[in-house]
Amino acid sequence: MLLQLVTDHPGAIVPILRNTPAWVWVLLAGLLALGIGQLRDRTASLARVSLLPAAMTVFSVWGTFSALAASPHAAGAAAAWLGAAAIAFGLLAPGRAAAQFDPVRRSYRLPGSVVPLLLIVGIFLVKYGVGVELAMAPRRIEEAPFAWTVAALYGAFTGLFVGRAWRLWRLALQPAAAGVTA
């Protein structure tokens, strides 16, 4: 396992980082910029608040498929992905959004939060770690626990992103009068 390799052989970190393609660092920089932008209060349209969960869902599906498509456990991995996504969504979606929705302007007033940045970094680290792990030990793809764990991690991130977005979408779906106080 990658974590065990890095823990037991910290000198392996430099060659791993050196052999990482440049596009991975460009992707990380873009994702960090996206996450850092979520730290400050802002206003955003419905389309804009839907973009991040949609993009991270695509990243999650891509990560799962690219890592596990050749696995003999792909069907179980797909079930693990769906199950983890549903559980994470079910735990998060019923909560209340800290945002406010303006039905006239059809926009949200969003408080800054570190949560999107942490989720973005988390899903990137899973993708990076799985890529390194499979590059170093390609046979791991044949291990059911590995495949299911990777898929469940990706699914959980998707459920968290979509669950947070659902909280916002619910605000927009409420009748306009619900947001008006007398």
N, C-alpha and C. Protein backbone atom coordinates (compact mmCIF):
# COMPACT_ATOMS: atom_id res chain seq x y z
N MET A 1 0.83 -1.18 0.00
CA MET A 1 0.00 0.00 0.00
C MET A 1 0.88 1.25 0.00
N LEU A 2 0.42 2.27 -0.70
CA LEU A 2 1.19 3.50 -0.86
C LEU A 2 1.53 4.13 0.49
N LEU A 3 0.55 4.19 1.38
CA LEU A 3 0.78 4.81 2.69
C LEU A 3 1.88 4.06 3.44
N GLN A 4 1.84 2.73 3.38
CA GLN A 4 2.85 1.93 4.06
C GLN A 4 4.23 2.16 3.43
N LEU A 5 4.29 2.25 2.10
CA LEU A 5 5.56 2.50 1.42
C LEU A 5 6.16 3.83 1.87
N VAL A 6 5.34 4.87 1.89
CA VAL A 6 5.82 6.20 2.27
C VAL A 6 6.23 6.22 3.74
N THR A 7 5.49 5.51 4.58
CA THR A 7 5.83 5.46 6.00
C THR A 7 7.11 4.68 6.24
N ASP A 8 7.23 3.52 5.58
CA ASP A 8 8.41 2.67 5.78
C ASP A 8 9.63 3.16 5.02
N HIS A 9 9.41 3.83 3.90
CA HIS A 9 10.51 4.27 3.04
C HIS A 9 10.26 5.72 2.61
N PRO A 10 10.45 6.68 3.51
CA PRO A 10 10.17 8.07 3.16
C PRO A 10 10.99 8.58 1.97
N GLY A 11 12.11 7.94 1.69
CA GLY A 11 12.91 8.33 0.53
C GLY A 11 12.22 8.06 -0.79
N ALA A 12 11.15 7.28 -0.77
CA ALA A 12 10.41 6.97 -2.00
C ALA A 12 9.55 8.15 -2.45
N ILE A 13 9.32 9.10 -1.57
CA ILE A 13 8.44 10.22 -1.89
C ILE A 13 8.99 11.04 -3.05
N VAL A 14 10.27 11.38 -3.01
CA VAL A 14 10.86 12.22 -4.05
C VAL A 14 10.76 11.57 -5.43
N PRO A 15 11.14 10.30 -5.60
CA PRO A 15 10.99 9.69 -6.93
C PRO A 15 9.53 9.62 -7.39
N ILE A 16 8.62 9.38 -6.47
CA ILE A 16 7.20 9.35 -6.84
C ILE A 16 6.77 10.72 -7.35
N LEU A 17 7.11 11.77 -6.61
CA LEU A 17 6.74 13.12 -7.02
C LEU A 17 7.43 13.52 -8.32
N ARG A 18 8.69 13.14 -8.47
CA ARG A 18 9.45 13.48 -9.67
C ARG A 18 8.86 12.79 -10.91
N ASN A 19 8.35 11.60 -10.76
CA ASN A 19 7.80 10.85 -11.89
C ASN A 19 6.33 11.14 -12.15
N THR A 20 5.77 12.05 -11.38
CA THR A 20 4.38 12.44 -11.62
C THR A 20 4.33 13.37 -12.83
N PRO A 21 3.45 13.08 -13.79
CA PRO A 21 3.37 13.95 -14.98
C PRO A 21 3.01 15.39 -14.60
N ALA A 22 3.51 16.33 -15.39
CA ALA A 22 3.30 17.76 -15.12
C ALA A 22 1.82 18.12 -15.13
N TRP A 23 1.02 17.47 -15.97
CA TRP A 23 -0.40 17.82 -16.05
C TRP A 23 -1.11 17.57 -14.72
N VAL A 24 -0.60 16.63 -13.93
CA VAL A 24 -1.22 16.36 -12.62
C VAL A 24 -1.07 17.58 -11.71
N TRP A 25 0.09 18.22 -11.76
CA TRP A 25 0.31 19.40 -10.93
C TRP A 25 -0.50 20.59 -11.42
N VAL A 26 -0.68 20.68 -12.74
CA VAL A 26 -1.53 21.73 -13.30
C VAL A 26 -2.98 21.51 -12.84
N LEU A 27 -3.43 20.27 -12.89
CA LEU A 27 -4.78 19.93 -12.41
C LEU A 27 -4.91 20.28 -10.94
N LEU A 28 -3.93 19.91 -10.14
CA LEU A 28 -3.98 20.23 -8.70
C LEU A 28 -4.05 21.74 -8.50
N ALA A 29 -3.26 22.50 -9.22
CA ALA A 29 -3.29 23.96 -9.08
C ALA A 29 -4.67 24.51 -9.41
N GLY A 30 -5.27 24.02 -10.48
CA GLY A 30 -6.62 24.46 -10.84
C GLY A 30 -7.65 24.09 -9.78
N LEU A 31 -7.55 22.86 -9.26
CA LEU A 31 -8.48 22.43 -8.23
C LEU A 31 -8.30 23.24 -6.95
N LEU A 32 -7.05 23.52 -6.59
CA LEU A 32 -6.79 24.35 -5.41
C LEU A 32 -7.36 25.75 -5.60
N ALA A 33 -7.19 26.32 -6.77
CA ALA A 33 -7.75 27.65 -7.04
C ALA A 33 -9.27 27.62 -6.89
N LEU A 34 -9.89 26.57 -7.41
CA LEU A 34 -11.33 26.42 -7.29
C LEU A 34 -11.74 26.32 -5.82
N GLY A 35 -11.04 25.52 -5.07
CA GLY A 35 -11.35 25.36 -3.64
C GLY A 35 -11.08 26.60 -2.83
N ILE A 36 -9.98 27.29 -3.12
CA ILE A 36 -9.65 28.52 -2.40
C ILE A 36 -10.70 29.59 -2.65
N GLY A 37 -11.25 29.60 -3.85
CA GLY A 37 -12.32 30.54 -4.17
C GLY A 37 -13.56 30.35 -3.31
N GLN A 38 -13.71 29.16 -2.75
CA GLN A 38 -14.86 28.87 -1.91
C GLN A 38 -14.67 29.36 -0.46
N LEU A 39 -13.49 29.85 -0.14
CA LEU A 39 -13.20 30.30 1.22
C LEU A 39 -13.85 31.64 1.57
N ARG A 40 -14.15 32.43 0.57
CA ARG A 40 -14.70 33.78 0.84
C ARG A 40 -16.19 33.82 0.55
N ASP A 41 -16.86 34.75 1.22
CA ASP A 41 -18.29 34.97 0.95
C ASP A 41 -18.44 35.42 -0.49
N ARG A 42 -19.53 34.98 -1.12
CA ARG A 42 -19.74 35.34 -2.51
C ARG A 42 -21.20 35.16 -2.89
N THR A 43 -21.55 35.65 -4.06
CA THR A 43 -22.86 35.36 -4.63
C THR A 43 -22.64 34.50 -5.86
N ALA A 44 -23.62 33.66 -6.14
CA ALA A 44 -23.50 32.75 -7.28
C ALA A 44 -24.88 32.36 -7.77
N SER A 45 -24.95 32.07 -9.05
CA SER A 45 -26.20 31.62 -9.66
C SER A 45 -26.41 30.13 -9.38
N LEU A 46 -27.60 29.66 -9.67
CA LEU A 46 -27.91 28.24 -9.54
C LEU A 46 -26.98 27.41 -10.40
N ALA A 47 -26.74 27.87 -11.62
CA ALA A 47 -25.83 27.14 -12.52
C ALA A 47 -24.42 27.06 -11.92
N ARG A 48 -23.99 28.14 -11.34
CA ARG A 48 -22.62 28.16 -10.79
C ARG A 48 -22.48 27.24 -9.58
N VAL A 49 -23.49 27.21 -8.70
CA VAL A 49 -23.38 26.32 -7.54
C VAL A 49 -23.55 24.86 -7.95
N SER A 50 -24.06 24.62 -9.13
CA SER A 50 -24.21 23.25 -9.63
C SER A 50 -22.95 22.76 -10.33
N LEU A 51 -22.11 23.70 -10.75
CA LEU A 51 -20.92 23.35 -11.52
C LEU A 51 -19.92 22.51 -10.72
N LEU A 52 -19.59 22.90 -9.51
CA LEU A 52 -18.60 22.19 -8.70
C LEU A 52 -19.04 20.76 -8.41
N PRO A 53 -20.27 20.53 -7.91
CA PRO A 53 -20.65 19.13 -7.68
C PRO A 53 -20.69 18.31 -8.96
N ALA A 54 -21.09 18.92 -10.07
CA ALA A 54 -21.11 18.20 -11.35
C ALA A 54 -19.68 17.84 -11.77
N ALA A 55 -18.77 18.80 -11.66
CA ALA A 55 -17.38 18.55 -12.05
C ALA A 55 -16.74 17.50 -11.15
N MET A 56 -16.98 17.58 -9.86
CA MET A 56 -16.39 16.61 -8.94
C MET A 56 -17.01 15.22 -9.11
N THR A 57 -18.27 15.17 -9.50
CA THR A 57 -18.89 13.87 -9.79
C THR A 57 -18.23 13.25 -11.02
N VAL A 58 -18.00 14.05 -12.04
CA VAL A 58 -17.30 13.56 -13.24
C VAL A 58 -15.90 13.10 -12.87
N PHE A 59 -15.20 13.87 -12.05
CA PHE A 59 -13.85 13.50 -11.61
C PHE A 59 -13.89 12.18 -10.84
N SER A 60 -14.90 12.01 -10.01
CA SER A 60 -15.07 10.79 -9.22
C SER A 60 -15.34 9.58 -10.12
N VAL A 61 -16.26 9.74 -11.05
CA VAL A 61 -16.59 8.65 -11.97
C VAL A 61 -15.36 8.30 -12.82
N TRP A 62 -14.68 9.34 -13.31
CA TRP A 62 -13.46 9.13 -14.10
C TRP A 62 -12.41 8.38 -13.27
N GLY A 63 -12.22 8.81 -12.03
CA GLY A 63 -11.25 8.16 -11.16
C GLY A 63 -11.59 6.70 -10.93
N THR A 64 -12.85 6.44 -10.68
CA THR A 64 -13.29 5.06 -10.44
C THR A 64 -13.11 4.22 -11.70
N PHE A 65 -13.61 4.73 -12.82
CA PHE A 65 -13.54 3.97 -14.07
C PHE A 65 -12.10 3.77 -14.51
N SER A 66 -11.28 4.82 -14.47
CA SER A 66 -9.90 4.69 -14.95
C SER A 66 -9.10 3.73 -14.08
N ALA A 67 -9.42 3.66 -12.80
CA ALA A 67 -8.68 2.77 -11.91
C ALA A 67 -9.21 1.34 -11.95
N LEU A 68 -10.51 1.18 -12.10
CA LEU A 68 -11.10 -0.14 -11.86
C LEU A 68 -11.80 -0.79 -13.03
N ALA A 69 -11.79 -0.17 -14.20
CA ALA A 69 -12.51 -0.75 -15.34
C ALA A 69 -12.02 -2.15 -15.68
N ALA A 70 -10.72 -2.41 -15.52
CA ALA A 70 -10.17 -3.71 -15.85
C ALA A 70 -10.21 -4.69 -14.68
N SER A 71 -10.74 -4.26 -13.56
CA SER A 71 -10.79 -5.13 -12.38
C SER A 71 -11.84 -6.21 -12.54
N PRO A 72 -11.54 -7.41 -12.09
CA PRO A 72 -12.58 -8.45 -12.10
C PRO A 72 -13.68 -8.14 -11.09
N HIS A 73 -13.47 -7.14 -10.29
CA HIS A 73 -14.44 -6.74 -9.26
C HIS A 73 -15.13 -5.43 -9.61
N ALA A 74 -15.17 -5.09 -10.90
CA ALA A 74 -15.75 -3.81 -11.33
C ALA A 74 -17.22 -3.70 -10.95
N ALA A 75 -17.98 -4.78 -11.07
CA ALA A 75 -19.41 -4.71 -10.73
C ALA A 75 -19.59 -4.44 -9.24
N GLY A 76 -18.82 -5.12 -8.41
CA GLY A 76 -18.89 -4.87 -6.97
C GLY A 76 -18.41 -3.48 -6.62
N ALA A 77 -17.40 -3.00 -7.36
CA ALA A 77 -16.90 -1.64 -7.15
C ALA A 77 -17.98 -0.63 -7.50
N ALA A 78 -18.70 -0.87 -8.59
CA ALA A 78 -19.79 0.05 -8.97
C ALA A 78 -20.86 0.07 -7.89
N ALA A 79 -21.17 -1.08 -7.33
CA ALA A 79 -22.15 -1.14 -6.24
C ALA A 79 -21.63 -0.41 -5.01
N ALA A 80 -20.34 -0.56 -4.71
CA ALA A 80 -19.75 0.14 -3.57
C ALA A 80 -19.79 1.65 -3.79
N TRP A 81 -19.51 2.09 -5.03
CA TRP A 81 -19.56 3.51 -5.36
C TRP A 81 -20.97 4.06 -5.14
N LEU A 82 -21.95 3.36 -5.71
CA LEU A 82 -23.34 3.81 -5.57
C LEU A 82 -23.79 3.81 -4.11
N GLY A 83 -23.45 2.76 -3.39
CA GLY A 83 -23.84 2.67 -1.98
C GLY A 83 -23.23 3.78 -1.15
N ALA A 84 -21.94 4.01 -1.32
CA ALA A 84 -21.27 5.06 -0.55
C ALA A 84 -21.80 6.44 -0.92
N ALA A 85 -22.06 6.65 -2.21
CA ALA A 85 -22.62 7.94 -2.64
C ALA A 85 -24.00 8.15 -2.02
N ALA A 86 -24.82 7.11 -2.04
CA ALA A 86 -26.18 7.22 -1.47
C ALA A 86 -26.13 7.48 0.03
N ILE A 87 -25.25 6.79 0.73
CA ILE A 87 -25.14 6.98 2.19
C ILE A 87 -24.66 8.39 2.51
N ALA A 88 -23.60 8.83 1.85
CA ALA A 88 -23.08 10.19 2.11
C ALA A 88 -24.14 11.24 1.78
N PHE A 89 -24.81 11.06 0.64
CA PHE A 89 -25.87 11.99 0.26
C PHE A 89 -26.98 11.98 1.31
N GLY A 90 -27.41 10.79 1.70
CA GLY A 90 -28.49 10.66 2.68
C GLY A 90 -28.16 11.28 4.03
N LEU A 91 -26.90 11.24 4.42
CA LEU A 91 -26.50 11.84 5.69
C LEU A 91 -26.41 13.36 5.61
N LEU A 92 -26.02 13.88 4.46
CA LEU A 92 -25.76 15.31 4.34
C LEU A 92 -26.94 16.11 3.80
N ALA A 93 -27.65 15.57 2.84
CA ALA A 93 -28.69 16.32 2.13
C ALA A 93 -29.82 16.85 3.02
N PRO A 94 -30.25 16.14 4.04
CA PRO A 94 -31.38 16.66 4.83
C PRO A 94 -31.05 17.92 5.63
N GLY A 95 -29.78 18.23 5.82
CA GLY A 95 -29.41 19.40 6.61
C GLY A 95 -29.80 20.70 5.93
N ARG A 96 -29.55 21.77 6.64
CA ARG A 96 -29.87 23.11 6.12
C ARG A 96 -28.62 23.75 5.52
N ALA A 97 -28.83 24.47 4.44
CA ALA A 97 -27.74 25.23 3.83
C ALA A 97 -27.51 26.51 4.62
N ALA A 98 -26.26 26.89 4.72
CA ALA A 98 -25.94 28.14 5.40
C ALA A 98 -26.13 29.33 4.47
N ALA A 99 -26.48 29.06 3.24
CA ALA A 99 -26.65 30.11 2.23
C ALA A 99 -28.05 30.70 2.28
N GLN A 100 -28.20 31.81 1.56
CA GLN A 100 -29.51 32.42 1.36
C GLN A 100 -29.75 32.50 -0.13
N PHE A 101 -31.01 32.29 -0.53
CA PHE A 101 -31.37 32.36 -1.94
C PHE A 101 -32.26 33.56 -2.17
N ASP A 102 -31.92 34.35 -3.17
CA ASP A 102 -32.72 35.50 -3.56
C ASP A 102 -33.53 35.10 -4.78
N PRO A 103 -34.85 34.88 -4.61
CA PRO A 103 -35.67 34.41 -5.73
C PRO A 103 -35.83 35.45 -6.84
N VAL A 104 -35.70 36.72 -6.52
CA VAL A 104 -35.83 37.76 -7.53
C VAL A 104 -34.61 37.74 -8.46
N ARG A 105 -33.44 37.72 -7.86
CA ARG A 105 -32.20 37.71 -8.64
C ARG A 105 -31.81 36.30 -9.08
N ARG A 106 -32.47 35.29 -8.50
CA ARG A 106 -32.16 33.88 -8.78
C ARG A 106 -30.69 33.60 -8.49
N SER A 107 -30.24 34.11 -7.33
CA SER A 107 -28.84 33.89 -6.95
C SER A 107 -28.75 33.59 -5.46
N TYR A 108 -27.62 33.01 -5.11
CA TYR A 108 -27.34 32.64 -3.72
C TYR A 108 -26.33 33.60 -3.13
N ARG A 109 -26.48 33.81 -1.83
CA ARG A 109 -25.45 34.48 -1.05
C ARG A 109 -24.82 33.36 -0.23
N LEU A 110 -23.58 33.06 -0.54
CA LEU A 110 -22.89 31.92 0.05
C LEU A 110 -21.82 32.36 1.03
N PRO A 111 -21.85 31.82 2.24
CA PRO A 111 -20.75 32.11 3.17
C PRO A 111 -19.51 31.33 2.76
N GLY A 112 -18.35 31.87 3.04
CA GLY A 112 -17.12 31.15 2.75
C GLY A 112 -17.03 29.90 3.60
N SER A 113 -16.40 28.88 3.05
CA SER A 113 -16.27 27.61 3.76
C SER A 113 -15.01 26.89 3.29
N VAL A 114 -14.35 26.22 4.23
CA VAL A 114 -13.19 25.42 3.91
C VAL A 114 -13.60 24.03 3.44
N VAL A 115 -14.84 23.63 3.65
CA VAL A 115 -15.29 22.28 3.32
C VAL A 115 -15.10 21.95 1.84
N PRO A 116 -15.50 22.80 0.90
CA PRO A 116 -15.26 22.43 -0.50
C PRO A 116 -13.78 22.22 -0.82
N LEU A 117 -12.92 23.05 -0.27
CA LEU A 117 -11.48 22.90 -0.50
C LEU A 117 -11.01 21.54 0.03
N LEU A 118 -11.45 21.18 1.23
CA LEU A 118 -11.05 19.89 1.80
C LEU A 118 -11.57 18.72 0.97
N LEU A 119 -12.79 18.83 0.49
CA LEU A 119 -13.35 17.76 -0.35
C LEU A 119 -12.60 17.66 -1.68
N ILE A 120 -12.28 18.80 -2.27
CA ILE A 120 -11.53 18.81 -3.53
C ILE A 120 -10.16 18.18 -3.34
N VAL A 121 -9.45 18.59 -2.30
CA VAL A 121 -8.13 18.03 -2.03
C VAL A 121 -8.26 16.54 -1.72
N GLY A 122 -9.28 16.17 -0.99
CA GLY A 122 -9.49 14.76 -0.65
C GLY A 122 -9.67 13.89 -1.88
N ILE A 123 -10.54 14.31 -2.78
CA ILE A 123 -10.77 13.50 -3.97
C ILE A 123 -9.53 13.47 -4.87
N PHE A 124 -8.79 14.58 -4.93
CA PHE A 124 -7.54 14.59 -5.69
C PHE A 124 -6.55 13.60 -5.09
N LEU A 125 -6.39 13.62 -3.76
CA LEU A 125 -5.44 12.73 -3.11
C LEU A 125 -5.81 11.26 -3.31
N VAL A 126 -7.09 10.96 -3.31
CA VAL A 126 -7.51 9.58 -3.59
C VAL A 126 -7.10 9.21 -5.01
N LYS A 127 -7.40 10.08 -5.98
CA LYS A 127 -7.05 9.81 -7.38
C LYS A 127 -5.54 9.66 -7.54
N TYR A 128 -4.79 10.55 -6.93
CA TYR A 128 -3.34 10.50 -7.03
C TYR A 128 -2.79 9.24 -6.36
N GLY A 129 -3.25 8.99 -5.15
CA GLY A 129 -2.77 7.82 -4.40
C GLY A 129 -3.09 6.51 -5.11
N VAL A 130 -4.29 6.40 -5.66
CA VAL A 130 -4.67 5.19 -6.38
C VAL A 130 -3.83 5.05 -7.64
N GLY A 131 -3.58 6.15 -8.34
CA GLY A 131 -2.75 6.10 -9.53
C GLY A 131 -1.34 5.64 -9.22
N VAL A 132 -0.75 6.16 -8.17
CA VAL A 132 0.60 5.75 -7.78
C VAL A 132 0.58 4.29 -7.35
N GLU A 133 -0.40 3.93 -6.55
CA GLU A 133 -0.50 2.55 -6.06
C GLU A 133 -0.58 1.56 -7.22
N LEU A 134 -1.43 1.86 -8.19
CA LEU A 134 -1.59 0.94 -9.32
C LEU A 134 -0.38 0.96 -10.25
N ALA A 135 0.32 2.08 -10.30
CA ALA A 135 1.55 2.12 -11.10
C ALA A 135 2.63 1.25 -10.46
N MET A 136 2.65 1.23 -9.14
CA MET A 136 3.67 0.47 -8.43
C MET A 136 3.28 -0.99 -8.22
N ALA A 137 1.99 -1.24 -8.10
CA ALA A 137 1.51 -2.60 -7.84
C ALA A 137 0.23 -2.84 -8.64
N PRO A 138 0.36 -3.02 -9.95
CA PRO A 138 -0.83 -3.13 -10.81
C PRO A 138 -1.76 -4.28 -10.46
N ARG A 139 -1.27 -5.28 -9.80
CA ARG A 139 -2.11 -6.44 -9.45
C ARG A 139 -3.11 -6.12 -8.34
N ARG A 140 -2.94 -4.97 -7.68
CA ARG A 140 -3.90 -4.58 -6.63
C ARG A 140 -5.31 -4.49 -7.19
N ILE A 141 -5.42 -4.22 -8.48
CA ILE A 141 -6.71 -4.10 -9.13
C ILE A 141 -7.51 -5.41 -9.04
N GLU A 142 -6.80 -6.50 -8.83
CA GLU A 142 -7.44 -7.82 -8.75
C GLU A 142 -7.95 -8.13 -7.35
N GLU A 143 -7.63 -7.29 -6.38
CA GLU A 143 -8.05 -7.52 -5.00
C GLU A 143 -9.39 -6.84 -4.76
N ALA A 144 -10.38 -7.63 -4.39
CA ALA A 144 -11.72 -7.09 -4.16
C ALA A 144 -11.73 -5.99 -3.10
N PRO A 145 -11.10 -6.19 -1.94
CA PRO A 145 -11.15 -5.11 -0.93
C PRO A 145 -10.57 -3.80 -1.44
N PHE A 146 -9.50 -3.87 -2.22
CA PHE A 146 -8.90 -2.65 -2.77
C PHE A 146 -9.90 -1.97 -3.71
N ALA A 147 -10.45 -2.73 -4.65
CA ALA A 147 -11.39 -2.17 -5.62
C ALA A 147 -12.60 -1.56 -4.93
N TRP A 148 -13.15 -2.26 -3.98
CA TRP A 148 -14.35 -1.78 -3.31
C TRP A 148 -14.07 -0.56 -2.45
N THR A 149 -12.90 -0.55 -1.80
CA THR A 149 -12.54 0.60 -0.97
C THR A 149 -12.33 1.85 -1.82
N VAL A 150 -11.61 1.70 -2.92
CA VAL A 150 -11.38 2.83 -3.81
C VAL A 150 -12.71 3.37 -4.33
N ALA A 151 -13.56 2.47 -4.80
CA ALA A 151 -14.85 2.89 -5.33
C ALA A 151 -15.71 3.56 -4.26
N ALA A 152 -15.69 3.01 -3.05
CA ALA A 152 -16.48 3.59 -1.97
C ALA A 152 -15.98 4.99 -1.60
N LEU A 153 -14.66 5.18 -1.62
CA LEU A 153 -14.12 6.52 -1.34
C LEU A 153 -14.59 7.52 -2.38
N TYR A 154 -14.47 7.15 -3.64
CA TYR A 154 -14.95 8.05 -4.71
C TYR A 154 -16.45 8.31 -4.57
N GLY A 155 -17.20 7.27 -4.29
CA GLY A 155 -18.65 7.44 -4.14
C GLY A 155 -19.00 8.34 -2.98
N ALA A 156 -18.29 8.18 -1.87
CA ALA A 156 -18.56 9.03 -0.70
C ALA A 156 -18.30 10.50 -1.02
N PHE A 157 -17.21 10.78 -1.73
CA PHE A 157 -16.95 12.17 -2.11
C PHE A 157 -18.07 12.71 -2.99
N THR A 158 -18.53 11.90 -3.93
CA THR A 158 -19.63 12.34 -4.79
C THR A 158 -20.87 12.63 -3.96
N GLY A 159 -21.21 11.73 -3.06
CA GLY A 159 -22.38 11.94 -2.21
C GLY A 159 -22.29 13.20 -1.38
N LEU A 160 -21.09 13.50 -0.88
CA LEU A 160 -20.90 14.72 -0.09
C LEU A 160 -21.07 15.97 -0.95
N PHE A 161 -20.47 15.97 -2.13
CA PHE A 161 -20.62 17.13 -3.02
C PHE A 161 -22.07 17.33 -3.43
N VAL A 162 -22.73 16.26 -3.83
CA VAL A 162 -24.11 16.37 -4.31
C VAL A 162 -25.05 16.67 -3.13
N GLY A 163 -24.77 16.11 -1.97
CA GLY A 163 -25.59 16.41 -0.79
C GLY A 163 -25.51 17.88 -0.39
N ARG A 164 -24.31 18.44 -0.45
CA ARG A 164 -24.16 19.88 -0.17
C ARG A 164 -24.91 20.71 -1.21
N ALA A 165 -24.81 20.29 -2.47
CA ALA A 165 -25.51 21.02 -3.53
C ALA A 165 -27.03 20.88 -3.37
N TRP A 166 -27.50 19.72 -2.97
CA TRP A 166 -28.94 19.52 -2.80
C TRP A 166 -29.50 20.51 -1.78
N ARG A 167 -28.74 20.77 -0.73
CA ARG A 167 -29.18 21.76 0.26
C ARG A 167 -29.44 23.11 -0.40
N LEU A 168 -28.56 23.48 -1.33
CA LEU A 168 -28.73 24.75 -2.04
C LEU A 168 -29.88 24.67 -3.03
N TRP A 169 -29.98 23.60 -3.76
CA TRP A 169 -31.04 23.45 -4.76
C TRP A 169 -32.42 23.52 -4.08
N ARG A 170 -32.50 22.95 -2.88
CA ARG A 170 -33.78 22.99 -2.14
C ARG A 170 -34.21 24.42 -1.89
N LEU A 171 -33.25 25.30 -1.60
CA LEU A 171 -33.58 26.71 -1.37
C LEU A 171 -34.23 27.31 -2.62
N ALA A 172 -33.71 26.98 -3.78
CA ALA A 172 -34.23 27.53 -5.04
C ALA A 172 -35.59 26.92 -5.39
N LEU A 173 -35.84 25.71 -4.92
CA LEU A 173 -37.10 25.03 -5.25
C LEU A 173 -38.26 25.45 -4.36
N GLN A 174 -37.95 26.10 -3.24
CA GLN A 174 -39.00 26.55 -2.33
C GLN A 174 -39.80 27.66 -3.02
N PRO A 175 -41.08 27.72 -2.72
CA PRO A 175 -41.88 28.84 -3.27
C PRO A 175 -41.26 30.18 -2.88
N ALA A 176 -41.35 31.13 -3.76
CA ALA A 176 -40.74 32.45 -3.53
C ALA A 176 -41.18 33.06 -2.22
N ALA A 177 -42.42 32.84 -1.83
CA ALA A 177 -42.95 33.44 -0.60
C ALA A 177 -42.28 32.85 0.65
N ALA A 178 -41.70 31.65 0.55
CA ALA A 178 -41.10 31.03 1.72
C ALA A 178 -39.87 31.80 2.19
N GLY A 179 -39.17 32.47 1.28
CA GLY A 179 -37.97 33.20 1.64
C GLY A 179 -38.25 34.62 2.11
N VAL A 180 -39.51 35.07 2.04
CA VAL A 180 -39.87 36.44 2.41
C VAL A 180 -40.39 36.44 3.84
N THR A 181 -39.85 37.33 4.65
CA THR A 181 -40.34 37.47 6.02
C THR A 181 -41.16 38.74 6.13
N ALA A 182 -42.15 38.67 6.99
CA ALA A 182 -43.04 39.82 7.14
C ALA A 182 -42.58 40.74 8.25
